[in-house]
Amino acid sequence: MAVPSVAFDDLPPIDAVLLSHCHYYHMDLATLRRLRDRDNPVMAMPLGNDAIVRRAIPDAWIVVGDWYDRLPLAGGIATM
């Protein structure tokens, strides 16, 4: 297992997490759970990946989109 270049506790507050796809190194559920516990960020992800995250982290703040959707985030920010 690779060592992260930045320790979790050294990360600044995280407002949003963008999950591009569900490969294990992009969707580390333990890290997502830690982020939810610490910062409760909005987690934006493609349709279908939300089922995995909701099963593992039922109270996560999740927004889901399909191809070419725009996802509303706090403060008027939108992902494409």
PDB file of N, CA and C in Angstrom:
ATOM      1  N   MET A   1       0.835  -1.179   0.000  1.00  0.00           N
ATOM      2  CA  MET A   1       0.000   0.000   0.000  1.00  0.00           C
ATOM      3  C   MET A   1       0.882   1.244   0.000  1.00  0.00           C
ATOM      4  N   ALA A   2       0.540   2.178  -0.835  1.00  0.00           N
ATOM      5  CA  ALA A   2       1.306   3.420  -0.932  1.00  0.00           C
ATOM      6  C   ALA A   2       1.023   4.325   0.266  1.00  0.00           C
ATOM      7  N   VAL A   3       2.012   5.059   0.664  1.00  0.00           N
ATOM      8  CA  VAL A   3       1.868   6.023   1.753  1.00  0.00           C
ATOM      9  C   VAL A   3       1.397   7.341   1.143  1.00  0.00           C
ATOM     10  N   PRO A   4       0.342   7.955   1.712  1.00  0.00           N
ATOM     11  CA  PRO A   4      -0.126   9.232   1.173  1.00  0.00           C
ATOM     12  C   PRO A   4       0.936  10.308   1.293  1.00  0.00           C
ATOM     13  N   SER A   5       0.940  11.237   0.361  1.00  0.00           N
ATOM     14  CA  SER A   5       1.915  12.321   0.409  1.00  0.00           C
ATOM     15  C   SER A   5       1.564  13.349   1.480  1.00  0.00           C
ATOM     16  N   VAL A   6       0.305  13.395   1.894  1.00  0.00           N
ATOM     17  CA  VAL A   6      -0.138  14.292   2.957  1.00  0.00           C
ATOM     18  C   VAL A   6      -0.908  13.453   3.973  1.00  0.00           C
ATOM     19  N   ALA A   7      -0.557  13.569   5.222  1.00  0.00           N
ATOM     20  CA  ALA A   7      -1.263  12.848   6.279  1.00  0.00           C
ATOM     21  C   ALA A   7      -2.688  13.382   6.400  1.00  0.00           C
ATOM     22  N   PHE A   8      -3.625  12.509   6.689  1.00  0.00           N
ATOM     23  CA  PHE A   8      -5.030  12.903   6.798  1.00  0.00           C
ATOM     24  C   PHE A   8      -5.203  14.089   7.741  1.00  0.00           C
ATOM     25  N   ASP A   9      -4.575  14.030   8.894  1.00  0.00           N
ATOM     26  CA  ASP A   9      -4.736  15.101   9.886  1.00  0.00           C
ATOM     27  C   ASP A   9      -4.123  16.427   9.448  1.00  0.00           C
ATOM     28  N   ASP A  10      -3.292  16.406   8.417  1.00  0.00           N
ATOM     29  CA  ASP A  10      -2.701  17.639   7.894  1.00  0.00           C
ATOM     30  C   ASP A  10      -3.531  18.257   6.769  1.00  0.00           C
ATOM     31  N   LEU A  11      -4.583  17.582   6.324  1.00  0.00           N
ATOM     32  CA  LEU A  11      -5.443  18.130   5.280  1.00  0.00           C
ATOM     33  C   LEU A  11      -6.227  19.315   5.818  1.00  0.00           C
ATOM     34  N   PRO A  12      -6.440  20.330   4.994  1.00  0.00           N
ATOM     35  CA  PRO A  12      -7.302  21.435   5.417  1.00  0.00           C
ATOM     36  C   PRO A  12      -8.754  20.945   5.428  1.00  0.00           C
ATOM     37  N   PRO A  13      -9.672  21.732   5.940  1.00  0.00           N
ATOM     38  CA  PRO A  13     -11.084  21.337   5.873  1.00  0.00           C
ATOM     39  C   PRO A  13     -11.497  21.102   4.407  1.00  0.00           C
ATOM     40  N   ILE A  14     -12.244  20.030   4.187  1.00  0.00           N
ATOM     41  CA  ILE A  14     -12.681  19.647   2.844  1.00  0.00           C
ATOM     42  C   ILE A  14     -14.171  19.963   2.715  1.00  0.00           C
ATOM     43  N   ASP A  15     -14.528  20.790   1.724  1.00  0.00           N
ATOM     44  CA  ASP A  15     -15.927  21.176   1.510  1.00  0.00           C
ATOM     45  C   ASP A  15     -16.648  20.245   0.549  1.00  0.00           C
ATOM     46  N   ALA A  16     -15.918  19.721  -0.427  1.00  0.00           N
ATOM     47  CA  ALA A  16     -16.541  18.883  -1.456  1.00  0.00           C
ATOM     48  C   ALA A  16     -15.557  17.823  -1.923  1.00  0.00           C
ATOM     49  N   VAL A  17     -16.112  16.665  -2.237  1.00  0.00           N
ATOM     50  CA  VAL A  17     -15.328  15.549  -2.765  1.00  0.00           C
ATOM     51  C   VAL A  17     -15.951  15.167  -4.102  1.00  0.00           C
ATOM     52  N   LEU A  18     -15.146  15.082  -5.141  1.00  0.00           N
ATOM     53  CA  LEU A  18     -15.622  14.651  -6.450  1.00  0.00           C
ATOM     54  C   LEU A  18     -15.098  13.244  -6.699  1.00  0.00           C
ATOM     55  N   LEU A  19     -16.007  12.282  -6.781  1.00  0.00           N
ATOM     56  CA  LEU A  19     -15.644  10.904  -7.114  1.00  0.00           C
ATOM     57  C   LEU A  19     -15.905  10.715  -8.598  1.00  0.00           C
ATOM     58  N   SER A  20     -14.855  10.525  -9.365  1.00  0.00           N
ATOM     59  CA  SER A  20     -15.023  10.423 -10.812  1.00  0.00           C
ATOM     60  C   SER A  20     -15.488   9.041 -11.260  1.00  0.00           C
ATOM     61  N   HIS A  21     -15.099   8.019 -10.528  1.00  0.00           N
ATOM     62  CA  HIS A  21     -15.512   6.650 -10.827  1.00  0.00           C
ATOM     63  C   HIS A  21     -15.185   5.780  -9.620  1.00  0.00           C
ATOM     64  N   CYS A  22     -15.541   4.510  -9.687  1.00  0.00           N
ATOM     65  CA  CYS A  22     -15.487   3.690  -8.477  1.00  0.00           C
ATOM     66  C   CYS A  22     -14.303   2.732  -8.406  1.00  0.00           C
ATOM     67  N   HIS A  23     -13.186   3.025  -9.055  1.00  0.00           N
ATOM     68  CA  HIS A  23     -12.003   2.204  -8.821  1.00  0.00           C
ATOM     69  C   HIS A  23     -11.596   2.345  -7.363  1.00  0.00           C
ATOM     70  N   TYR A  24     -11.092   1.278  -6.781  1.00  0.00           N
ATOM     71  CA  TYR A  24     -10.833   1.266  -5.336  1.00  0.00           C
ATOM     72  C   TYR A  24      -9.946   2.407  -4.870  1.00  0.00           C
ATOM     73  N   TYR A  25      -9.022   2.870  -5.706  1.00  0.00           N
ATOM     74  CA  TYR A  25      -8.127   3.942  -5.260  1.00  0.00           C
ATOM     75  C   TYR A  25      -8.762   5.318  -5.419  1.00  0.00           C
ATOM     76  N   HIS A  26      -9.936   5.389  -6.008  1.00  0.00           N
ATOM     77  CA  HIS A  26     -10.680   6.651  -6.078  1.00  0.00           C
ATOM     78  C   HIS A  26     -11.788   6.686  -5.031  1.00  0.00           C
ATOM     79  N   MET A  27     -12.276   5.516  -4.655  1.00  0.00           N
ATOM     80  CA  MET A  27     -13.404   5.443  -3.732  1.00  0.00           C
ATOM     81  C   MET A  27     -12.992   4.649  -2.490  1.00  0.00           C
ATOM     82  N   ASP A  28     -12.091   5.211  -1.723  1.00  0.00           N
ATOM     83  CA  ASP A  28     -11.653   4.582  -0.482  1.00  0.00           C
ATOM     84  C   ASP A  28     -12.700   4.908   0.582  1.00  0.00           C
ATOM     85  N   LEU A  29     -13.564   3.946   0.858  1.00  0.00           N
ATOM     86  CA  LEU A  29     -14.695   4.190   1.748  1.00  0.00           C
ATOM     87  C   LEU A  29     -14.267   4.569   3.157  1.00  0.00           C
ATOM     88  N   ALA A  30     -13.183   4.008   3.638  1.00  0.00           N
ATOM     89  CA  ALA A  30     -12.704   4.370   4.984  1.00  0.00           C
ATOM     90  C   ALA A  30     -12.320   5.848   5.038  1.00  0.00           C
ATOM     91  N   THR A  31     -11.650   6.335   4.008  1.00  0.00           N
ATOM     92  CA  THR A  31     -11.273   7.755   3.967  1.00  0.00           C
ATOM     93  C   THR A  31     -12.501   8.637   3.805  1.00  0.00           C
ATOM     94  N   LEU A  32     -13.437   8.223   2.952  1.00  0.00           N
ATOM     95  CA  LEU A  32     -14.672   8.998   2.791  1.00  0.00           C
ATOM     96  C   LEU A  32     -15.437   9.073   4.110  1.00  0.00           C
ATOM     97  N   ARG A  33     -15.455   7.984   4.861  1.00  0.00           N
ATOM     98  CA  ARG A  33     -16.114   7.968   6.166  1.00  0.00           C
ATOM     99  C   ARG A  33     -15.416   8.946   7.126  1.00  0.00           C
ATOM    100  N   ARG A  34     -14.091   8.949   7.117  1.00  0.00           N
ATOM    101  CA  ARG A  34     -13.342   9.880   7.978  1.00  0.00           C
ATOM    102  C   ARG A  34     -13.623  11.333   7.602  1.00  0.00           C
ATOM    103  N   LEU A  35     -13.678  11.598   6.286  1.00  0.00           N
ATOM    104  CA  LEU A  35     -13.997  12.951   5.836  1.00  0.00           C
ATOM    105  C   LEU A  35     -15.395  13.357   6.268  1.00  0.00           C
ATOM    106  N   ARG A  36     -16.353  12.442   6.138  1.00  0.00           N
ATOM    107  CA  ARG A  36     -17.726  12.740   6.572  1.00  0.00           C
ATOM    108  C   ARG A  36     -17.748  13.059   8.058  1.00  0.00           C
ATOM    109  N   ASP A  37     -17.050  12.261   8.846  1.00  0.00           N
ATOM    110  CA  ASP A  37     -17.028  12.472  10.296  1.00  0.00           C
ATOM    111  C   ASP A  37     -16.370  13.801  10.670  1.00  0.00           C
ATOM    112  N   ARG A  38     -15.324  14.166   9.943  1.00  0.00           N
ATOM    113  CA  ARG A  38     -14.573  15.372  10.296  1.00  0.00           C
ATOM    114  C   ARG A  38     -15.179  16.635   9.704  1.00  0.00           C
ATOM    115  N   ASP A  39     -15.507  16.613   8.392  1.00  0.00           N
ATOM    116  CA  ASP A  39     -15.894  17.837   7.685  1.00  0.00           C
ATOM    117  C   ASP A  39     -17.302  17.814   7.090  1.00  0.00           C
ATOM    118  N   ASN A  40     -17.909  16.641   6.987  1.00  0.00           N
ATOM    119  CA  ASN A  40     -19.212  16.467   6.332  1.00  0.00           C
ATOM    120  C   ASN A  40     -19.270  17.158   4.967  1.00  0.00           C
ATOM    121  N   PRO A  41     -18.331  16.844   4.066  1.00  0.00           N
ATOM    122  CA  PRO A  41     -18.347  17.481   2.748  1.00  0.00           C
ATOM    123  C   PRO A  41     -19.466  16.925   1.882  1.00  0.00           C
ATOM    124  N   VAL A  42     -19.903  17.713   0.910  1.00  0.00           N
ATOM    125  CA  VAL A  42     -20.793  17.188  -0.112  1.00  0.00           C
ATOM    126  C   VAL A  42     -19.945  16.261  -0.985  1.00  0.00           C
ATOM    127  N   MET A  43     -20.502  15.111  -1.339  1.00  0.00           N
ATOM    128  CA  MET A  43     -19.795  14.138  -2.178  1.00  0.00           C
ATOM    129  C   MET A  43     -20.547  14.042  -3.500  1.00  0.00           C
ATOM    130  N   ALA A  44     -19.921  14.505  -4.566  1.00  0.00           N
ATOM    131  CA  ALA A  44     -20.517  14.493  -5.894  1.00  0.00           C
ATOM    132  C   ALA A  44     -19.981  13.289  -6.659  1.00  0.00           C
ATOM    133  N   MET A  45     -20.898  12.564  -7.320  1.00  0.00           N
ATOM    134  CA  MET A  45     -20.470  11.331  -7.987  1.00  0.00           C
ATOM    135  C   MET A  45     -21.419  10.955  -9.099  1.00  0.00           C
ATOM    136  N   PRO A  46     -20.947  10.080  -9.998  1.00  0.00           N
ATOM    137  CA  PRO A  46     -21.795   9.610 -11.087  1.00  0.00           C
ATOM    138  C   PRO A  46     -22.895   8.667 -10.587  1.00  0.00           C
ATOM    139  N   LEU A  47     -23.956   8.651 -11.349  1.00  0.00           N
ATOM    140  CA  LEU A  47     -25.076   7.758 -11.100  1.00  0.00           C
ATOM    141  C   LEU A  47     -24.572   6.327 -10.944  1.00  0.00           C
ATOM    142  N   GLY A  48     -25.015   5.648  -9.920  1.00  0.00           N
ATOM    143  CA  GLY A  48     -24.609   4.272  -9.661  1.00  0.00           C
ATOM    144  C   GLY A  48     -23.582   4.168  -8.548  1.00  0.00           C
ATOM    145  N   ASN A  49     -22.629   5.078  -8.536  1.00  0.00           N
ATOM    146  CA  ASN A  49     -21.632   5.058  -7.460  1.00  0.00           C
ATOM    147  C   ASN A  49     -22.264   5.428  -6.123  1.00  0.00           C
ATOM    148  N   ASP A  50     -23.350   6.182  -6.177  1.00  0.00           N
ATOM    149  CA  ASP A  50     -24.023   6.575  -4.939  1.00  0.00           C
ATOM    150  C   ASP A  50     -24.530   5.364  -4.161  1.00  0.00           C
ATOM    151  N   ALA A  51     -24.918   4.292  -4.835  1.00  0.00           N
ATOM    152  CA  ALA A  51     -25.409   3.096  -4.142  1.00  0.00           C
ATOM    153  C   ALA A  51     -24.315   2.506  -3.255  1.00  0.00           C
ATOM    154  N   ILE A  52     -23.086   2.505  -3.741  1.00  0.00           N
ATOM    155  CA  ILE A  52     -21.959   1.980  -2.967  1.00  0.00           C
ATOM    156  C   ILE A  52     -21.706   2.859  -1.750  1.00  0.00           C
ATOM    157  N   VAL A  53     -21.670   4.160  -1.963  1.00  0.00           N
ATOM    158  CA  VAL A  53     -21.373   5.086  -0.867  1.00  0.00           C
ATOM    159  C   VAL A  53     -22.522   5.106   0.142  1.00  0.00           C
ATOM    160  N   ARG A  54     -23.759   5.121  -0.334  1.00  0.00           N
ATOM    161  CA  ARG A  54     -24.909   5.147   0.592  1.00  0.00           C
ATOM    162  C   ARG A  54     -24.957   3.896   1.458  1.00  0.00           C
ATOM    163  N   ARG A  55     -24.570   2.753   0.889  1.00  0.00           N
ATOM    164  CA  ARG A  55     -24.552   1.511   1.656  1.00  0.00           C
ATOM    165  C   ARG A  55     -23.480   1.575   2.754  1.00  0.00           C
ATOM    166  N   ALA A  56     -22.339   2.148   2.439  1.00  0.00           N
ATOM    167  CA  ALA A  56     -21.218   2.209   3.385  1.00  0.00           C
ATOM    168  C   ALA A  56     -21.328   3.386   4.352  1.00  0.00           C
ATOM    169  N   ILE A  57     -21.899   4.506   3.870  1.00  0.00           N
ATOM    170  CA  ILE A  57     -21.983   5.734   4.682  1.00  0.00           C
ATOM    171  C   ILE A  57     -23.408   6.290   4.526  1.00  0.00           C
ATOM    172  N   PRO A  58     -24.370   5.701   5.225  1.00  0.00           N
ATOM    173  CA  PRO A  58     -25.779   6.055   4.998  1.00  0.00           C
ATOM    174  C   PRO A  58     -26.114   7.533   5.176  1.00  0.00           C
ATOM    175  N   ASP A  59     -25.403   8.233   6.039  1.00  0.00           N
ATOM    176  CA  ASP A  59     -25.736   9.637   6.292  1.00  0.00           C
ATOM    177  C   ASP A  59     -24.828  10.617   5.544  1.00  0.00           C
ATOM    178  N   ALA A  60     -24.133  10.128   4.523  1.00  0.00           N
ATOM    179  CA  ALA A  60     -23.278  11.015   3.719  1.00  0.00           C
ATOM    180  C   ALA A  60     -24.142  12.000   2.936  1.00  0.00           C
ATOM    181  N   TRP A  61     -23.600  13.200   2.703  1.00  0.00           N
ATOM    182  CA  TRP A  61     -24.268  14.238   1.910  1.00  0.00           C
ATOM    183  C   TRP A  61     -23.840  14.012   0.466  1.00  0.00           C
ATOM    184  N   ILE A  62     -24.736  13.480  -0.357  1.00  0.00           N
ATOM    185  CA  ILE A  62     -24.405  13.019  -1.706  1.00  0.00           C
ATOM    186  C   ILE A  62     -25.241  13.753  -2.737  1.00  0.00           C
ATOM    187  N   VAL A  63     -24.587  14.183  -3.820  1.00  0.00           N
ATOM    188  CA  VAL A  63     -25.290  14.649  -5.021  1.00  0.00           C
ATOM    189  C   VAL A  63     -24.830  13.755  -6.167  1.00  0.00           C
ATOM    190  N   VAL A  64     -25.779  13.406  -7.032  1.00  0.00           N
ATOM    191  CA  VAL A  64     -25.526  12.421  -8.084  1.00  0.00           C
ATOM    192  C   VAL A  64     -25.888  13.017  -9.432  1.00  0.00           C
ATOM    193  N   GLY A  65     -25.086  12.692 -10.430  1.00  0.00           N
ATOM    194  CA  GLY A  65     -25.384  13.149 -11.777  1.00  0.00           C
ATOM    195  C   GLY A  65     -25.077  12.089 -12.814  1.00  0.00           C
ATOM    196  N   ASP A  66     -25.650  12.273 -13.968  1.00  0.00           N
ATOM    197  CA  ASP A  66     -25.407  11.408 -15.116  1.00  0.00           C
ATOM    198  C   ASP A  66     -24.614  12.217 -16.139  1.00  0.00           C
ATOM    199  N   TRP A  67     -24.296  11.642 -17.258  1.00  0.00           N
ATOM    200  CA  TRP A  67     -23.525  12.330 -18.291  1.00  0.00           C
ATOM    201  C   TRP A  67     -24.096  13.717 -18.566  1.00  0.00           C
ATOM    202  N   TYR A  68     -23.229  14.714 -18.575  1.00  0.00           N
ATOM    203  CA  TYR A  68     -23.532  16.104 -18.937  1.00  0.00           C
ATOM    204  C   TYR A  68     -24.433  16.832 -17.944  1.00  0.00           C
ATOM    205  N   ASP A  69     -24.741  16.209 -16.802  1.00  0.00           N
ATOM    206  CA  ASP A  69     -25.507  16.903 -15.779  1.00  0.00           C
ATOM    207  C   ASP A  69     -24.620  17.937 -15.080  1.00  0.00           C
ATOM    208  N   ARG A  70     -25.256  18.940 -14.523  1.00  0.00           N
ATOM    209  CA  ARG A  70     -24.582  19.897 -13.650  1.00  0.00           C
ATOM    210  C   ARG A  70     -25.101  19.631 -12.246  1.00  0.00           C
ATOM    211  N   LEU A  71     -24.190  19.535 -11.309  1.00  0.00           N
ATOM    212  CA  LEU A  71     -24.564  19.225  -9.933  1.00  0.00           C
ATOM    213  C   LEU A  71     -24.408  20.468  -9.068  1.00  0.00           C
ATOM    214  N   PRO A  72     -25.477  20.896  -8.411  1.00  0.00           N
ATOM    215  CA  PRO A  72     -25.380  22.081  -7.553  1.00  0.00           C
ATOM    216  C   PRO A  72     -24.624  21.754  -6.267  1.00  0.00           C
ATOM    217  N   LEU A  73     -23.676  22.604  -5.933  1.00  0.00           N
ATOM    218  CA  LEU A  73     -22.949  22.507  -4.683  1.00  0.00           C
ATOM    219  C   LEU A  73     -23.178  23.782  -3.910  1.00  0.00           C
ATOM    220  N   ALA A  74     -22.779  23.804  -2.663  1.00  0.00           N
ATOM    221  CA  ALA A  74     -22.977  24.983  -1.829  1.00  0.00           C
ATOM    222  C   ALA A  74     -22.294  26.210  -2.422  1.00  0.00           C
ATOM    223  N   GLY A  75     -22.844  27.353  -2.199  1.00  0.00           N
ATOM    224  CA  GLY A  75     -22.231  28.607  -2.627  1.00  0.00           C
ATOM    225  C   GLY A  75     -22.344  28.871  -4.114  1.00  0.00           C
ATOM    226  N   GLY A  76     -23.265  28.197  -4.798  1.00  0.00           N
ATOM    227  CA  GLY A  76     -23.464  28.431  -6.219  1.00  0.00           C
ATOM    228  C   GLY A  76     -22.457  27.754  -7.128  1.00  0.00           C
ATOM    229  N   ILE A  77     -21.605  26.912  -6.575  1.00  0.00           N
ATOM    230  CA  ILE A  77     -20.629  26.172  -7.384  1.00  0.00           C
ATOM    231  C   ILE A  77     -21.342  24.993  -8.026  1.00  0.00           C
ATOM    232  N   ALA A  78     -21.013  24.683  -9.251  1.00  0.00           N
ATOM    233  CA  ALA A  78     -21.600  23.509  -9.923  1.00  0.00           C
ATOM    234  C   ALA A  78     -20.484  22.712 -10.578  1.00  0.00           C
ATOM    235  N   THR A  79     -20.584  21.403 -10.505  1.00  0.00           N
ATOM    236  CA  THR A  79     -19.643  20.537 -11.197  1.00  0.00           C
ATOM    237  C   THR A  79     -20.269  20.091 -12.500  1.00  0.00           C
ATOM    238  N   MET A  80     -19.432  19.748 -13.457  1.00  0.00           N
ATOM    239  CA  MET A  80     -19.934  19.263 -14.734  1.00  0.00           C
ATOM    240  C   MET A  80     -19.536  17.829 -14.937  1.00  0.00           C
TER     241      MET A  80
END
